[in-house]
């Protein structure tokens, strides 16, 4: 059966800013959800198969405006049974992380030379367009999670190419491969090609 009713406990009602607790229709419940999330949450409730888990996140409005919630439960005999959690702190942390990532990406792309970031396991996490362009690396090589050794091996193939426009500059040390080690004690390490035993 289609979920048409929800029974909201007093604690959940206070959490989402509902004027009352107890049984309420789907229309009453979704009226407390932001426009952007209302249709999706309603669809998740209405179309859920009996006893199949429902997991829907939404932003509140009115008294709960600016807060984010997550519903976890299942539909039984046309009614939702489960819990509503306040996940505002988690959502805000995700938003901050995305903003920081966007700023890091902007800074990397603005860097005039080739630049790559590796984590503590020597896996590629970030790079700028110049890194791919200068060393003629395609998307199958330069991708998140690619190992340092693999990328360096592909880069070495390009350096060996006598037609490469950057071979001479690399040999003279005018172009530096810049590496960042990201870990608990992150620090920036800049190394010239000859210092990492790259082939001439």
C-alpha atoms as a PDB file:
ATOM      1  CA  UNK A   1       0.000   0.000   0.000  1.00  0.00           C
ATOM      2  CA  UNK A   2       1.016   3.608  -0.605  1.00  0.00           C
ATOM      3  CA  UNK A   3       2.319   5.384   2.482  1.00  0.00           C
ATOM      4  CA  UNK A   4      -0.271   8.008   3.417  1.00  0.00           C
ATOM      5  CA  UNK A   5       0.205   8.451   7.152  1.00  0.00           C
ATOM      6  CA  UNK A   6       3.071   9.138   9.520  1.00  0.00           C
ATOM      7  CA  UNK A   7       3.042   9.050  13.297  1.00  0.00           C
ATOM      8  CA  UNK A   8       5.469  11.591  14.661  1.00  0.00           C
ATOM      9  CA  UNK A   9       6.630  11.350  18.261  1.00  0.00           C
ATOM     10  CA  UNK A  10       6.894  14.457  20.408  1.00  0.00           C
ATOM     11  CA  UNK A  11      10.694  14.509  20.229  1.00  0.00           C
ATOM     12  CA  UNK A  12      10.675  14.243  16.423  1.00  0.00           C
ATOM     13  CA  UNK A  13       7.942  16.887  16.217  1.00  0.00           C
ATOM     14  CA  UNK A  14      10.074  19.281  18.263  1.00  0.00           C
ATOM     15  CA  UNK A  15      13.079  18.429  16.112  1.00  0.00           C
ATOM     16  CA  UNK A  16      11.476  19.352  12.797  1.00  0.00           C
ATOM     17  CA  UNK A  17       9.439  22.255  14.170  1.00  0.00           C
ATOM     18  CA  UNK A  18       6.047  20.568  13.851  1.00  0.00           C
ATOM     19  CA  UNK A  19       3.220  22.332  15.711  1.00  0.00           C
ATOM     20  CA  UNK A  20       1.991  18.969  16.983  1.00  0.00           C
ATOM     21  CA  UNK A  21       2.948  15.324  17.401  1.00  0.00           C
ATOM     22  CA  UNK A  22       0.957  12.205  16.584  1.00  0.00           C
ATOM     23  CA  UNK A  23      -0.576  10.959  13.367  1.00  0.00           C
ATOM     24  CA  UNK A  24      -0.415  13.250  10.356  1.00  0.00           C
ATOM     25  CA  UNK A  25      -0.982  12.947   6.622  1.00  0.00           C
ATOM     26  CA  UNK A  26       1.786  12.984   4.051  1.00  0.00           C
ATOM     27  CA  UNK A  27       0.635  16.449   2.986  1.00  0.00           C
ATOM     28  CA  UNK A  28       0.972  17.762   6.542  1.00  0.00           C
ATOM     29  CA  UNK A  29       4.408  16.279   6.955  1.00  0.00           C
ATOM     30  CA  UNK A  30       5.837  17.410   3.618  1.00  0.00           C
ATOM     31  CA  UNK A  31       4.548  20.961   4.214  1.00  0.00           C
ATOM     32  CA  UNK A  32       7.437  21.265   6.705  1.00  0.00           C
ATOM     33  CA  UNK A  33      10.040  20.331   4.058  1.00  0.00           C
ATOM     34  CA  UNK A  34      11.805  22.762   1.722  1.00  0.00           C
ATOM     35  CA  UNK A  35      10.511  23.070  -1.833  1.00  0.00           C
ATOM     36  CA  UNK A  36      13.700  21.584  -3.248  1.00  0.00           C
ATOM     37  CA  UNK A  37      13.306  18.374  -1.226  1.00  0.00           C
ATOM     38  CA  UNK A  38       9.518  18.018  -0.878  1.00  0.00           C
ATOM     39  CA  UNK A  39       8.784  16.107  -4.075  1.00  0.00           C
ATOM     40  CA  UNK A  40      11.722  13.723  -3.616  1.00  0.00           C
ATOM     41  CA  UNK A  41      10.801  12.866  -0.015  1.00  0.00           C
ATOM     42  CA  UNK A  42       7.144  12.435  -0.909  1.00  0.00           C
ATOM     43  CA  UNK A  43       8.078  10.107  -3.768  1.00  0.00           C
ATOM     44  CA  UNK A  44      10.348   8.056  -1.489  1.00  0.00           C
ATOM     45  CA  UNK A  45       7.483   7.564   0.951  1.00  0.00           C
ATOM     46  CA  UNK A  46       4.694   7.002  -1.551  1.00  0.00           C
ATOM     47  CA  UNK A  47       6.548   4.598  -3.822  1.00  0.00           C
ATOM     48  CA  UNK A  48       8.361   2.538  -1.215  1.00  0.00           C
ATOM     49  CA  UNK A  49       7.614  -1.186  -1.231  1.00  0.00           C
ATOM     50  CA  UNK A  50       6.372  -2.645   2.089  1.00  0.00           C
ATOM     51  CA  UNK A  51       9.195  -3.237   4.597  1.00  0.00           C
ATOM     52  CA  UNK A  52      11.785  -1.845   2.207  1.00  0.00           C
ATOM     53  CA  UNK A  53      14.120   0.643   3.853  1.00  0.00           C
ATOM     54  CA  UNK A  54      13.418   4.318   3.324  1.00  0.00           C
ATOM     55  CA  UNK A  55      16.294   6.751   3.615  1.00  0.00           C
ATOM     56  CA  UNK A  56      15.501  10.353   2.699  1.00  0.00           C
ATOM     57  CA  UNK A  57      17.319  13.572   3.577  1.00  0.00           C
ATOM     58  CA  UNK A  58      15.665  16.984   3.566  1.00  0.00           C
ATOM     59  CA  UNK A  59      15.955  20.573   4.721  1.00  0.00           C
ATOM     60  CA  UNK A  60      13.329  22.006   7.028  1.00  0.00           C
ATOM     61  CA  UNK A  61      11.460  25.294   6.716  1.00  0.00           C
ATOM     62  CA  UNK A  62       9.729  27.579   9.180  1.00  0.00           C
ATOM     63  CA  UNK A  63      10.880  26.908  12.741  1.00  0.00           C
ATOM     64  CA  UNK A  64      13.395  24.334  11.466  1.00  0.00           C
ATOM     65  CA  UNK A  65      14.629  26.498   8.591  1.00  0.00           C
ATOM     66  CA  UNK A  66      18.344  26.039   7.929  1.00  0.00           C
ATOM     67  CA  UNK A  67      18.398  22.609   9.564  1.00  0.00           C
ATOM     68  CA  UNK A  68      18.880  19.313   7.747  1.00  0.00           C
ATOM     69  CA  UNK A  69      17.240  15.997   8.615  1.00  0.00           C
ATOM     70  CA  UNK A  70      17.370  12.368   7.568  1.00  0.00           C
ATOM     71  CA  UNK A  71      14.508   9.875   7.726  1.00  0.00           C
ATOM     72  CA  UNK A  72      15.417   6.235   8.251  1.00  0.00           C
ATOM     73  CA  UNK A  73      12.728   3.569   8.446  1.00  0.00           C
ATOM     74  CA  UNK A  74      10.286   1.539   6.391  1.00  0.00           C
ATOM     75  CA  UNK A  75       6.684   1.516   5.203  1.00  0.00           C
ATOM     76  CA  UNK A  76       4.313  -0.929   6.914  1.00  0.00           C
ATOM     77  CA  UNK A  77       0.607  -1.170   6.087  1.00  0.00           C
ATOM     78  CA  UNK A  78       0.576   2.255   4.490  1.00  0.00           C
ATOM     79  CA  UNK A  79       2.351   4.029   7.373  1.00  0.00           C
ATOM     80  CA  UNK A  80       5.963   5.048   7.901  1.00  0.00           C
ATOM     81  CA  UNK A  81       7.784   3.680  10.933  1.00  0.00           C
ATOM     82  CA  UNK A  82      11.269   4.867  11.719  1.00  0.00           C
ATOM     83  CA  UNK A  83      13.355   7.748  13.031  1.00  0.00           C
ATOM     84  CA  UNK A  84      14.133  11.331  12.049  1.00  0.00           C
ATOM     85  CA  UNK A  85      17.694  12.467  12.727  1.00  0.00           C
ATOM     86  CA  UNK A  86      19.181  15.953  12.839  1.00  0.00           C
ATOM     87  CA  UNK A  87      22.165  15.812  10.448  1.00  0.00           C
ATOM     88  CA  UNK A  88      22.770  19.571  10.192  1.00  0.00           C
ATOM     89  CA  UNK A  89      26.348  19.421  11.494  1.00  0.00           C
ATOM     90  CA  UNK A  90      27.246  16.665   9.034  1.00  0.00           C
ATOM     91  CA  UNK A  91      25.729  18.523   6.066  1.00  0.00           C
ATOM     92  CA  UNK A  92      27.489  21.760   7.012  1.00  0.00           C
ATOM     93  CA  UNK A  93      30.793  19.875   7.297  1.00  0.00           C
ATOM     94  CA  UNK A  94      30.221  18.427   3.817  1.00  0.00           C
ATOM     95  CA  UNK A  95      29.492  21.906   2.444  1.00  0.00           C
ATOM     96  CA  UNK A  96      32.677  23.298   4.021  1.00  0.00           C
ATOM     97  CA  UNK A  97      34.660  20.413   2.582  1.00  0.00           C
ATOM     98  CA  UNK A  98      33.253  21.061  -0.903  1.00  0.00           C
ATOM     99  CA  UNK A  99      34.056  24.768  -0.663  1.00  0.00           C
ATOM    100  CA  UNK A 100      37.601  24.004   0.464  1.00  0.00           C
ATOM    101  CA  UNK A 101      37.962  21.537  -2.392  1.00  0.00           C
ATOM    102  CA  UNK A 102      36.739  24.137  -4.883  1.00  0.00           C
ATOM    103  CA  UNK A 103      39.200  26.714  -3.547  1.00  0.00           C
ATOM    104  CA  UNK A 104      42.037  24.206  -3.751  1.00  0.00           C
ATOM    105  CA  UNK A 105      41.070  23.358  -7.331  1.00  0.00           C
ATOM    106  CA  UNK A 106      40.984  27.052  -8.267  1.00  0.00           C
ATOM    107  CA  UNK A 107      44.422  27.611  -6.724  1.00  0.00           C
ATOM    108  CA  UNK A 108      45.873  24.588  -8.516  1.00  0.00           C
ATOM    109  CA  UNK A 109      44.471  25.599 -11.891  1.00  0.00           C
ATOM    110  CA  UNK A 110      45.797  29.135 -11.436  1.00  0.00           C
ATOM    111  CA  UNK A 111      49.326  27.831 -10.846  1.00  0.00           C
ATOM    112  CA  UNK A 112      51.298  28.428 -14.072  1.00  0.00           C
ATOM    113  CA  UNK A 113      53.417  25.275 -13.856  1.00  0.00           C
ATOM    114  CA  UNK A 114      52.586  21.566 -13.625  1.00  0.00           C
ATOM    115  CA  UNK A 115      51.308  20.719 -10.171  1.00  0.00           C
ATOM    116  CA  UNK A 116      50.086  17.493  -8.572  1.00  0.00           C
ATOM    117  CA  UNK A 117      48.977  16.462  -5.090  1.00  0.00           C
ATOM    118  CA  UNK A 118      49.551  12.965  -3.676  1.00  0.00           C
ATOM    119  CA  UNK A 119      48.255  11.537  -0.432  1.00  0.00           C
ATOM    120  CA  UNK A 120      50.235   9.600   2.169  1.00  0.00           C
ATOM    121  CA  UNK A 121      49.692   6.374   0.170  1.00  0.00           C
ATOM    122  CA  UNK A 122      51.192   8.028  -2.926  1.00  0.00           C
ATOM    123  CA  UNK A 123      47.827   8.184  -4.666  1.00  0.00           C
ATOM    124  CA  UNK A 124      46.972  11.137  -6.899  1.00  0.00           C
ATOM    125  CA  UNK A 125      44.266  13.354  -5.398  1.00  0.00           C
ATOM    126  CA  UNK A 126      44.530  16.695  -7.253  1.00  0.00           C
ATOM    127  CA  UNK A 127      46.324  18.113 -10.271  1.00  0.00           C
ATOM    128  CA  UNK A 128      46.095  21.117 -12.536  1.00  0.00           C
ATOM    129  CA  UNK A 129      45.573  21.336 -16.277  1.00  0.00           C
ATOM    130  CA  UNK A 130      49.234  22.221 -16.817  1.00  0.00           C
ATOM    131  CA  UNK A 131      50.321  18.901 -15.288  1.00  0.00           C
ATOM    132  CA  UNK A 132      48.411  16.936 -17.931  1.00  0.00           C
ATOM    133  CA  UNK A 133      49.288  19.310 -20.769  1.00  0.00           C
ATOM    134  CA  UNK A 134      53.020  19.778 -20.159  1.00  0.00           C
ATOM    135  CA  UNK A 135      53.693  16.063 -19.746  1.00  0.00           C
ATOM    136  CA  UNK A 136      51.183  14.983 -22.417  1.00  0.00           C
ATOM    137  CA  UNK A 137      49.263  12.745 -19.998  1.00  0.00           C
ATOM    138  CA  UNK A 138      45.758  11.689 -20.979  1.00  0.00           C
ATOM    139  CA  UNK A 139      42.756  11.081 -18.715  1.00  0.00           C
ATOM    140  CA  UNK A 140      43.430   7.360 -18.475  1.00  0.00           C
ATOM    141  CA  UNK A 141      46.671   8.207 -16.646  1.00  0.00           C
ATOM    142  CA  UNK A 142      45.809  11.349 -14.708  1.00  0.00           C
ATOM    143  CA  UNK A 143      42.872  10.348 -12.560  1.00  0.00           C
ATOM    144  CA  UNK A 144      42.099  10.326  -8.854  1.00  0.00           C
ATOM    145  CA  UNK A 145      43.723   7.371  -7.152  1.00  0.00           C
ATOM    146  CA  UNK A 146      46.435   6.803  -9.749  1.00  0.00           C
ATOM    147  CA  UNK A 147      49.649   5.642  -8.102  1.00  0.00           C
ATOM    148  CA  UNK A 148      52.706   7.886  -8.030  1.00  0.00           C
ATOM    149  CA  UNK A 149      54.881   5.182  -9.644  1.00  0.00           C
ATOM    150  CA  UNK A 150      52.403   4.676 -12.496  1.00  0.00           C
ATOM    151  CA  UNK A 151      52.133   8.384 -13.283  1.00  0.00           C
ATOM    152  CA  UNK A 152      55.910   8.824 -13.096  1.00  0.00           C
ATOM    153  CA  UNK A 153      56.401   5.868 -15.461  1.00  0.00           C
ATOM    154  CA  UNK A 154      54.025   7.447 -17.998  1.00  0.00           C
ATOM    155  CA  UNK A 155      55.682  10.830 -17.550  1.00  0.00           C
ATOM    156  CA  UNK A 156      59.089   9.241 -18.186  1.00  0.00           C
ATOM    157  CA  UNK A 157      57.883   7.975 -21.581  1.00  0.00           C
ATOM    158  CA  UNK A 158      57.130  11.545 -22.597  1.00  0.00           C
ATOM    159  CA  UNK A 159      60.466  12.853 -21.314  1.00  0.00           C
ATOM    160  CA  UNK A 160      62.289  10.250 -23.415  1.00  0.00           C
ATOM    161  CA  UNK A 161      60.542  11.506 -26.546  1.00  0.00           C
ATOM    162  CA  UNK A 162      63.136  13.566 -28.500  1.00  0.00           C
ATOM    163  CA  UNK A 163      60.342  15.620 -30.027  1.00  0.00           C
ATOM    164  CA  UNK A 164      59.139  16.789 -26.633  1.00  0.00           C
ATOM    165  CA  UNK A 165      59.107  20.587 -26.348  1.00  0.00           C
ATOM    166  CA  UNK A 166      59.916  20.496 -22.642  1.00  0.00           C
ATOM    167  CA  UNK A 167      62.769  17.971 -22.600  1.00  0.00           C
ATOM    168  CA  UNK A 168      65.450  20.635 -22.797  1.00  0.00           C
ATOM    169  CA  UNK A 169      63.809  22.755 -20.133  1.00  0.00           C
ATOM    170  CA  UNK A 170      63.429  19.711 -17.881  1.00  0.00           C
ATOM    171  CA  UNK A 171      67.069  18.781 -18.405  1.00  0.00           C
ATOM    172  CA  UNK A 172      68.174  22.262 -17.405  1.00  0.00           C
ATOM    173  CA  UNK A 173      65.988  22.189 -14.327  1.00  0.00           C
ATOM    174  CA  UNK A 174      63.934  25.174 -15.457  1.00  0.00           C
ATOM    175  CA  UNK A 175      60.727  23.189 -15.011  1.00  0.00           C
ATOM    176  CA  UNK A 176      60.204  21.630 -11.629  1.00  0.00           C
ATOM    177  CA  UNK A 177      57.877  18.773 -10.796  1.00  0.00           C
ATOM    178  CA  UNK A 178      56.114  19.929  -7.656  1.00  0.00           C
ATOM    179  CA  UNK A 179      54.890  17.300  -5.241  1.00  0.00           C
ATOM    180  CA  UNK A 180      52.819  17.656  -2.088  1.00  0.00           C
ATOM    181  CA  UNK A 181      52.786  14.979   0.570  1.00  0.00           C
ATOM    182  CA  UNK A 182      49.395  15.057   2.318  1.00  0.00           C
ATOM    183  CA  UNK A 183      49.190  13.433   5.706  1.00  0.00           C
ATOM    184  CA  UNK A 184      48.875  14.148   9.411  1.00  0.00           C
ATOM    185  CA  UNK A 185      51.925  16.408   9.187  1.00  0.00           C
ATOM    186  CA  UNK A 186      51.433  17.769   5.685  1.00  0.00           C
ATOM    187  CA  UNK A 187      54.294  19.681   4.147  1.00  0.00           C
ATOM    188  CA  UNK A 188      55.109  20.864   0.647  1.00  0.00           C
ATOM    189  CA  UNK A 189      58.045  19.234  -1.067  1.00  0.00           C
ATOM    190  CA  UNK A 190      59.426  20.559  -4.324  1.00  0.00           C
ATOM    191  CA  UNK A 191      61.786  18.322  -6.261  1.00  0.00           C
ATOM    192  CA  UNK A 192      63.525  18.782  -9.561  1.00  0.00           C
ATOM    193  CA  UNK A 193      63.276  15.971 -12.083  1.00  0.00           C
ATOM    194  CA  UNK A 194      66.922  14.990 -11.672  1.00  0.00           C
ATOM    195  CA  UNK A 195      66.402  14.667  -7.899  1.00  0.00           C
ATOM    196  CA  UNK A 196      63.785  11.931  -8.323  1.00  0.00           C
ATOM    197  CA  UNK A 197      65.981   9.945 -10.717  1.00  0.00           C
ATOM    198  CA  UNK A 198      63.815  10.655 -13.751  1.00  0.00           C
ATOM    199  CA  UNK A 199      65.485   9.578 -17.004  1.00  0.00           C
ATOM    200  CA  UNK A 200      67.160  12.351 -18.988  1.00  0.00           C
END
